[in-house]
C-alpha atoms as a PDB file:
ATOM      1  CA  MET A   1       3.719  61.568  54.409  1.00  0.00           C
ATOM      2  CA  HIS A   2       3.833  64.919  52.557  1.00  0.00           C
ATOM      3  CA  ARG A   3       7.378  63.864  51.437  1.00  0.00           C
ATOM      4  CA  VAL A   4       6.055  60.867  49.586  1.00  0.00           C
ATOM      5  CA  LYS A   5       5.657  61.854  45.892  1.00  0.00           C
ATOM      6  CA  SER A   6       3.736  60.475  42.913  1.00  0.00           C
ATOM      7  CA  LEU A   7       5.418  58.110  40.552  1.00  0.00           C
ATOM      8  CA  PRO A   8       8.093  59.450  38.183  1.00  0.00           C
ATOM      9  CA  LYS A   9       6.700  60.297  34.755  1.00  0.00           C
ATOM     10  CA  TYR A  10       8.862  57.729  32.945  1.00  0.00           C
ATOM     11  CA  LEU A  11       7.419  54.927  35.096  1.00  0.00           C
ATOM     12  CA  LEU A  12       3.886  56.116  34.518  1.00  0.00           C
ATOM     13  CA  ASP A  13       4.636  56.274  30.661  1.00  0.00           C
ATOM     14  CA  ARG A  14       5.977  52.731  30.712  1.00  0.00           C
ATOM     15  CA  TYR A  15       3.033  51.478  32.710  1.00  0.00           C
ATOM     16  CA  HIS A  16       0.540  53.052  30.227  1.00  0.00           C
ATOM     17  CA  ASP A  17       2.496  51.532  27.375  1.00  0.00           C
ATOM     18  CA  TRP A  18       2.406  48.127  28.970  1.00  0.00           C
ATOM     19  CA  MET A  19      -1.226  48.344  29.645  1.00  0.00           C
ATOM     20  CA  GLU A  20      -1.949  49.226  26.022  1.00  0.00           C
ATOM     21  CA  HIS A  21       0.378  46.858  24.182  1.00  0.00           C
ATOM     22  CA  SER A  22       1.274  43.923  26.555  1.00  0.00           C
ATOM     23  CA  PHE A  23      -1.431  43.434  29.168  1.00  0.00           C
ATOM     24  CA  PRO A  24      -4.327  42.619  26.821  1.00  0.00           C
ATOM     25  CA  GLU A  25      -2.651  39.403  25.776  1.00  0.00           C
ATOM     26  CA  SER A  26      -2.309  38.350  29.394  1.00  0.00           C
ATOM     27  CA  ARG A  27      -5.575  39.587  30.710  1.00  0.00           C
ATOM     28  CA  GLU A  28      -7.064  36.140  31.321  1.00  0.00           C
ATOM     29  CA  TRP A  29      -3.859  34.875  32.948  1.00  0.00           C
ATOM     30  CA  PHE A  30      -3.878  37.814  35.468  1.00  0.00           C
ATOM     31  CA  ARG A  31      -7.559  37.246  36.164  1.00  0.00           C
ATOM     32  CA  LYS A  32      -6.877  33.541  36.886  1.00  0.00           C
ATOM     33  CA  LEU A  33      -4.031  34.501  39.301  1.00  0.00           C
ATOM     34  CA  ALA A  34      -6.381  36.944  41.090  1.00  0.00           C
ATOM     35  CA  GLU A  35      -9.208  34.396  41.445  1.00  0.00           C
ATOM     36  CA  GLU A  36      -7.192  31.281  42.166  1.00  0.00           C
ATOM     37  CA  GLY A  37      -4.128  32.616  44.003  1.00  0.00           C
ATOM     38  CA  GLN A  38      -0.540  31.716  43.472  1.00  0.00           C
ATOM     39  CA  SER A  39       0.911  28.195  43.218  1.00  0.00           C
ATOM     40  CA  PRO A  40       4.581  28.594  42.255  1.00  0.00           C
ATOM     41  CA  ARG A  41       6.639  25.335  42.134  1.00  0.00           C
ATOM     42  CA  ALA A  42       9.967  27.009  42.947  1.00  0.00           C
ATOM     43  CA  MET A  43      11.359  29.864  45.066  1.00  0.00           C
ATOM     44  CA  VAL A  44      14.387  31.818  43.915  1.00  0.00           C
ATOM     45  CA  ILE A  45      16.500  33.717  46.336  1.00  0.00           C
ATOM     46  CA  ALA A  46      18.409  36.253  44.377  1.00  0.00           C
ATOM     47  CA  CYS A  47      20.437  39.468  44.575  1.00  0.00           C
ATOM     48  CA  CYS A  48      18.712  42.835  44.545  1.00  0.00           C
ATOM     49  CA  ASP A  49      21.010  43.740  41.577  1.00  0.00           C
ATOM     50  CA  SER A  50      18.820  45.033  38.829  1.00  0.00           C
ATOM     51  CA  ARG A  51      20.854  43.195  36.226  1.00  0.00           C
ATOM     52  CA  VAL A  52      19.723  39.804  37.350  1.00  0.00           C
ATOM     53  CA  ALA A  53      16.764  38.995  35.117  1.00  0.00           C
ATOM     54  CA  ILE A  54      15.225  36.029  36.977  1.00  0.00           C
ATOM     55  CA  ASN A  55      11.874  35.551  35.130  1.00  0.00           C
ATOM     56  CA  SER A  56      13.466  36.165  31.733  1.00  0.00           C
ATOM     57  CA  ILE A  57      16.146  33.496  31.892  1.00  0.00           C
ATOM     58  CA  PHE A  58      13.764  30.793  33.166  1.00  0.00           C
ATOM     59  CA  GLY A  59      11.006  31.784  30.743  1.00  0.00           C
ATOM     60  CA  GLN A  60       8.444  32.087  33.591  1.00  0.00           C
ATOM     61  CA  ARG A  61       5.240  33.986  33.574  1.00  0.00           C
ATOM     62  CA  THR A  62       3.978  36.088  36.394  1.00  0.00           C
ATOM     63  CA  GLY A  63       3.009  33.876  39.282  1.00  0.00           C
ATOM     64  CA  GLU A  64       5.139  30.896  38.390  1.00  0.00           C
ATOM     65  CA  LEU A  65       8.222  31.817  40.533  1.00  0.00           C
ATOM     66  CA  PHE A  66       8.159  33.003  44.200  1.00  0.00           C
ATOM     67  CA  VAL A  67      11.111  35.489  44.183  1.00  0.00           C
ATOM     68  CA  HIS A  68      12.831  36.968  47.190  1.00  0.00           C
ATOM     69  CA  ARG A  69      15.683  39.407  46.653  1.00  0.00           C
ATOM     70  CA  ASN A  70      18.302  40.792  49.034  1.00  0.00           C
ATOM     71  CA  ILE A  71      21.845  42.071  48.989  1.00  0.00           C
ATOM     72  CA  ALA A  72      24.178  39.380  47.740  1.00  0.00           C
ATOM     73  CA  ASN A  73      21.359  36.659  47.709  1.00  0.00           C
ATOM     74  CA  LEU A  74      22.181  35.626  51.304  1.00  0.00           C
ATOM     75  CA  VAL A  75      20.217  33.371  53.712  1.00  0.00           C
ATOM     76  CA  PRO A  76      21.139  34.182  57.311  1.00  0.00           C
ATOM     77  CA  PRO A  77      21.251  31.399  59.979  1.00  0.00           C
ATOM     78  CA  TYR A  78      18.014  30.372  61.521  1.00  0.00           C
ATOM     79  CA  THR A  79      17.446  32.806  64.492  1.00  0.00           C
ATOM     80  CA  PRO A  80      14.037  32.389  66.192  1.00  0.00           C
ATOM     81  CA  ASP A  81      14.532  35.445  68.476  1.00  0.00           C
ATOM     82  CA  GLY A  82      11.253  37.258  67.862  1.00  0.00           C
ATOM     83  CA  GLN A  83      12.908  39.948  65.750  1.00  0.00           C
ATOM     84  CA  HIS A  84      12.266  40.942  62.136  1.00  0.00           C
ATOM     85  CA  HIS A  85      13.694  38.473  59.622  1.00  0.00           C
ATOM     86  CA  GLY A  86      12.599  39.180  56.071  1.00  0.00           C
ATOM     87  CA  THR A  87      14.488  36.444  54.283  1.00  0.00           C
ATOM     88  CA  GLY A  88      13.613  33.817  56.882  1.00  0.00           C
ATOM     89  CA  ALA A  89       9.865  34.831  56.755  1.00  0.00           C
ATOM     90  CA  ALA A  90       9.936  34.515  52.956  1.00  0.00           C
ATOM     91  CA  VAL A  91      11.411  31.063  53.180  1.00  0.00           C
ATOM     92  CA  GLU A  92       8.989  29.915  55.931  1.00  0.00           C
ATOM     93  CA  PHE A  93       6.063  31.151  53.894  1.00  0.00           C
ATOM     94  CA  ALA A  94       7.322  29.468  50.587  1.00  0.00           C
ATOM     95  CA  VAL A  95       7.906  26.117  52.327  1.00  0.00           C
ATOM     96  CA  THR A  96       5.055  25.824  54.832  1.00  0.00           C
ATOM     97  CA  SER A  97       2.268  27.755  52.990  1.00  0.00           C
ATOM     98  CA  LEU A  98       3.099  27.676  49.340  1.00  0.00           C
ATOM     99  CA  LYS A  99       4.623  24.141  49.513  1.00  0.00           C
ATOM    100  CA  VAL A 100       7.220  24.960  46.821  1.00  0.00           C
ATOM    101  CA  GLU A 101       9.186  21.985  45.532  1.00  0.00           C
ATOM    102  CA  HIS A 102      12.456  23.690  44.969  1.00  0.00           C
ATOM    103  CA  ILE A 103      14.511  26.529  46.410  1.00  0.00           C
ATOM    104  CA  LEU A 104      17.206  28.111  44.150  1.00  0.00           C
ATOM    105  CA  VAL A 105      19.878  30.295  45.596  1.00  0.00           C
ATOM    106  CA  MET A 106      21.058  32.432  42.653  1.00  0.00           C
ATOM    107  CA  GLY A 107      24.341  34.344  42.744  1.00  0.00           C
ATOM    108  CA  HIS A 108      25.925  36.291  39.964  1.00  0.00           C
ATOM    109  CA  SER A 109      29.168  37.840  38.612  1.00  0.00           C
ATOM    110  CA  ASN A 110      30.306  41.342  39.558  1.00  0.00           C
ATOM    111  CA  CYS A 111      28.093  41.356  42.667  1.00  0.00           C
ATOM    112  CA  GLY A 112      28.444  44.693  44.472  1.00  0.00           C
ATOM    113  CA  GLY A 113      27.403  43.117  47.850  1.00  0.00           C
ATOM    114  CA  VAL A 114      30.137  40.492  47.595  1.00  0.00           C
ATOM    115  CA  ARG A 115      32.660  43.133  46.694  1.00  0.00           C
ATOM    116  CA  GLY A 116      31.536  45.143  49.749  1.00  0.00           C
ATOM    117  CA  CYS A 117      32.104  42.112  51.940  1.00  0.00           C
ATOM    118  CA  ILE A 118      35.669  41.729  50.584  1.00  0.00           C
ATOM    119  CA  ASP A 119      36.384  45.365  51.251  1.00  0.00           C
ATOM    120  CA  MET A 120      34.896  45.167  54.738  1.00  0.00           C
ATOM    121  CA  CYS A 121      36.793  41.991  55.623  1.00  0.00           C
ATOM    122  CA  THR A 122      40.117  43.344  54.315  1.00  0.00           C
ATOM    123  CA  GLY A 123      39.731  46.642  56.148  1.00  0.00           C
ATOM    124  CA  HIS A 124      39.136  48.741  52.897  1.00  0.00           C
ATOM    125  CA  ASN A 125      35.675  50.023  53.838  1.00  0.00           C
ATOM    126  CA  GLU A 126      35.511  51.289  57.459  1.00  0.00           C
ATOM    127  CA  ALA A 127      31.861  52.423  57.067  1.00  0.00           C
ATOM    128  CA  LEU A 128      30.701  48.779  56.649  1.00  0.00           C
ATOM    129  CA  LEU A 129      32.457  47.877  59.916  1.00  0.00           C
ATOM    130  CA  GLU A 130      30.462  50.370  61.954  1.00  0.00           C
ATOM    131  CA  GLN A 131      27.744  48.664  64.076  1.00  0.00           C
ATOM    132  CA  LYS A 132      25.108  51.109  62.636  1.00  0.00           C
ATOM    133  CA  SER A 133      25.782  50.015  59.116  1.00  0.00           C
ATOM    134  CA  LEU A 134      22.782  47.851  58.018  1.00  0.00           C
ATOM    135  CA  VAL A 135      24.551  46.646  54.944  1.00  0.00           C
ATOM    136  CA  GLY A 136      27.726  45.783  56.921  1.00  0.00           C
ATOM    137  CA  ARG A 137      25.811  43.708  59.481  1.00  0.00           C
ATOM    138  CA  TRP A 138      23.975  41.906  56.734  1.00  0.00           C
ATOM    139  CA  LEU A 139      27.236  41.031  54.937  1.00  0.00           C
ATOM    140  CA  ASP A 140      28.517  39.549  58.164  1.00  0.00           C
ATOM    141  CA  VAL A 141      26.466  36.468  56.921  1.00  0.00           C
ATOM    142  CA  LEU A 142      29.072  36.115  54.272  1.00  0.00           C
ATOM    143  CA  ARG A 143      32.124  36.158  56.474  1.00  0.00           C
ATOM    144  CA  PRO A 144      32.439  32.359  56.665  1.00  0.00           C
ATOM    145  CA  GLY A 145      32.651  32.353  52.919  1.00  0.00           C
ATOM    146  CA  PHE A 146      35.346  34.964  52.949  1.00  0.00           C
ATOM    147  CA  GLU A 147      37.450  32.845  55.220  1.00  0.00           C
ATOM    148  CA  GLN A 148      37.480  30.209  52.476  1.00  0.00           C
ATOM    149  CA  VAL A 149      38.764  32.489  49.747  1.00  0.00           C
ATOM    150  CA  LYS A 150      40.816  35.176  51.594  1.00  0.00           C
ATOM    151  CA  ASP A 151      44.143  33.696  50.379  1.00  0.00           C
ATOM    152  CA  ILE A 152      43.290  34.007  46.704  1.00  0.00           C
ATOM    153  CA  GLU A 153      45.617  36.786  45.529  1.00  0.00           C
ATOM    154  CA  ASP A 154      43.906  37.497  42.139  1.00  0.00           C
ATOM    155  CA  LYS A 155      41.143  39.982  42.933  1.00  0.00           C
ATOM    156  CA  ALA A 156      38.832  38.858  40.104  1.00  0.00           C
ATOM    157  CA  MET A 157      39.254  35.215  41.004  1.00  0.00           C
ATOM    158  CA  ARG A 158      38.656  36.000  44.660  1.00  0.00           C
ATOM    159  CA  GLN A 159      35.515  37.871  43.824  1.00  0.00           C
ATOM    160  CA  THR A 160      34.077  35.017  41.724  1.00  0.00           C
ATOM    161  CA  ALA A 161      35.076  32.452  44.334  1.00  0.00           C
ATOM    162  CA  LEU A 162      33.266  34.392  47.106  1.00  0.00           C
ATOM    163  CA  GLU A 163      30.168  34.776  44.961  1.00  0.00           C
ATOM    164  CA  LYS A 164      30.081  30.980  44.752  1.00  0.00           C
ATOM    165  CA  GLU A 165      30.998  30.494  48.399  1.00  0.00           C
ATOM    166  CA  GLY A 166      28.064  32.791  49.356  1.00  0.00           C
ATOM    167  CA  ILE A 167      25.701  30.465  47.535  1.00  0.00           C
ATOM    168  CA  GLN A 168      27.104  27.525  49.564  1.00  0.00           C
ATOM    169  CA  VAL A 169      26.842  29.427  52.829  1.00  0.00           C
ATOM    170  CA  SER A 170      23.171  30.165  52.128  1.00  0.00           C
ATOM    171  CA  LEU A 171      22.395  26.606  51.195  1.00  0.00           C
ATOM    172  CA  GLU A 172      23.992  25.366  54.342  1.00  0.00           C
ATOM    173  CA  ASN A 173      22.076  28.036  56.393  1.00  0.00           C
ATOM    174  CA  LEU A 174      18.765  26.960  54.755  1.00  0.00           C
ATOM    175  CA  LEU A 175      19.213  23.439  56.156  1.00  0.00           C
ATOM    176  CA  GLY A 176      19.298  25.055  59.620  1.00  0.00           C
ATOM    177  CA  TYR A 177      15.649  26.030  59.234  1.00  0.00           C
ATOM    178  CA  PRO A 178      13.598  23.188  60.823  1.00  0.00           C
ATOM    179  CA  PHE A 179      10.856  23.348  58.292  1.00  0.00           C
ATOM    180  CA  VAL A 180      13.294  23.311  55.424  1.00  0.00           C
ATOM    181  CA  LYS A 181      15.176  20.346  56.755  1.00  0.00           C
ATOM    182  CA  GLU A 182      11.998  18.501  57.450  1.00  0.00           C
ATOM    183  CA  ALA A 183      10.736  19.115  53.901  1.00  0.00           C
ATOM    184  CA  VAL A 184      14.093  18.075  52.407  1.00  0.00           C
ATOM    185  CA  ASP A 185      14.260  14.867  54.483  1.00  0.00           C
ATOM    186  CA  ALA A 186      10.679  13.978  53.496  1.00  0.00           C
ATOM    187  CA  GLY A 187      11.588  14.326  49.790  1.00  0.00           C
ATOM    188  CA  GLN A 188       9.087  17.239  49.358  1.00  0.00           C
ATOM    189  CA  LEU A 189      11.750  19.902  48.731  1.00  0.00           C
ATOM    190  CA  THR A 190      15.082  20.123  46.875  1.00  0.00           C
ATOM    191  CA  LEU A 191      17.716  22.871  47.295  1.00  0.00           C
ATOM    192  CA  HIS A 192      19.738  24.201  44.347  1.00  0.00           C
ATOM    193  CA  GLY A 193      22.631  26.643  43.782  1.00  0.00           C
ATOM    194  CA  ILE A 194      23.201  28.520  40.604  1.00  0.00           C
ATOM    195  CA  TRP A 195      25.601  31.256  39.544  1.00  0.00           C
ATOM    196  CA  ALA A 196      25.076  33.450  36.518  1.00  0.00           C
ATOM    197  CA  ASN A 197      27.638  35.375  34.527  1.00  0.00           C
ATOM    198  CA  ILE A 198      25.675  38.596  33.793  1.00  0.00           C
ATOM    199  CA  SER A 199      27.748  39.422  30.755  1.00  0.00           C
ATOM    200  CA  ASP A 200      26.411  36.470  28.718  1.00  0.00           C
ATOM    201  CA  MET A 201      23.932  34.856  31.268  1.00  0.00           C
ATOM    202  CA  ASP A 202      25.848  31.623  31.195  1.00  0.00           C
ATOM    203  CA  LEU A 203      24.691  29.538  34.196  1.00  0.00           C
ATOM    204  CA  GLU A 204      26.706  27.292  36.445  1.00  0.00           C
ATOM    205  CA  THR A 205      24.965  24.932  38.821  1.00  0.00           C
ATOM    206  CA  PHE A 206      26.248  23.638  42.194  1.00  0.00           C
ATOM    207  CA  ASP A 207      26.757  19.895  42.663  1.00  0.00           C
ATOM    208  CA  GLY A 208      26.516  19.279  46.396  1.00  0.00           C
ATOM    209  CA  SER A 209      28.003  15.825  46.217  1.00  0.00           C
ATOM    210  CA  VAL A 210      31.366  17.208  45.011  1.00  0.00           C
ATOM    211  CA  ARG A 211      30.909  20.786  46.242  1.00  0.00           C
ATOM    212  CA  ARG A 212      31.717  22.180  42.830  1.00  0.00           C
ATOM    213  CA  PHE A 213      30.014  24.424  40.226  1.00  0.00           C
ATOM    214  CA  SER A 214      29.765  23.272  36.682  1.00  0.00           C
ATOM    215  CA  HIS A 215      27.958  24.494  33.432  1.00  0.00           C
ATOM    216  CA  GLY A 216      24.359  23.401  33.382  1.00  0.00           C
END
């Protein structure tokens, strides 16, 4: 543990600035959260990408969204094998304990994870093909989506298409989780897909009835 260091100075400085200028206005709200617990109405499964400003675009305060981030905002298939499954565990907790009413799978433009999947599937990134690559094996979840877009020649169009296919793959995988399907069938939970252009934060929403994205 001697290799674990204290926080970088710039983070400590920003924390102290936040405590001095921003926190006092929200003190009662944080106390309420501490005493009463969380009761978010929605879960958002988003990418780890630091450019995706989830709480900002939805105007949510702390405690109002249950957010889970991973590379390329993927939901893997339901695999009850007794192993570690971070995303599946987050979904299970959100649905069975928090009783969220909505799950949003949020993709975005210029996603590095999606680009990595394309490079891996086209043989342009041998490191991701290695069995020991944690990123590569995670991106295997997106391979079914790549099969749908692999014939698109324009690279930018293929990238965007796979970002949106990844959202659909994740939504389909979500329905493979028994507790998700049960809640959806009971009308207690709805699933949603959204894609954000990070250059202007324009949102497109997925319409499952026609399997197409459109501007919200």
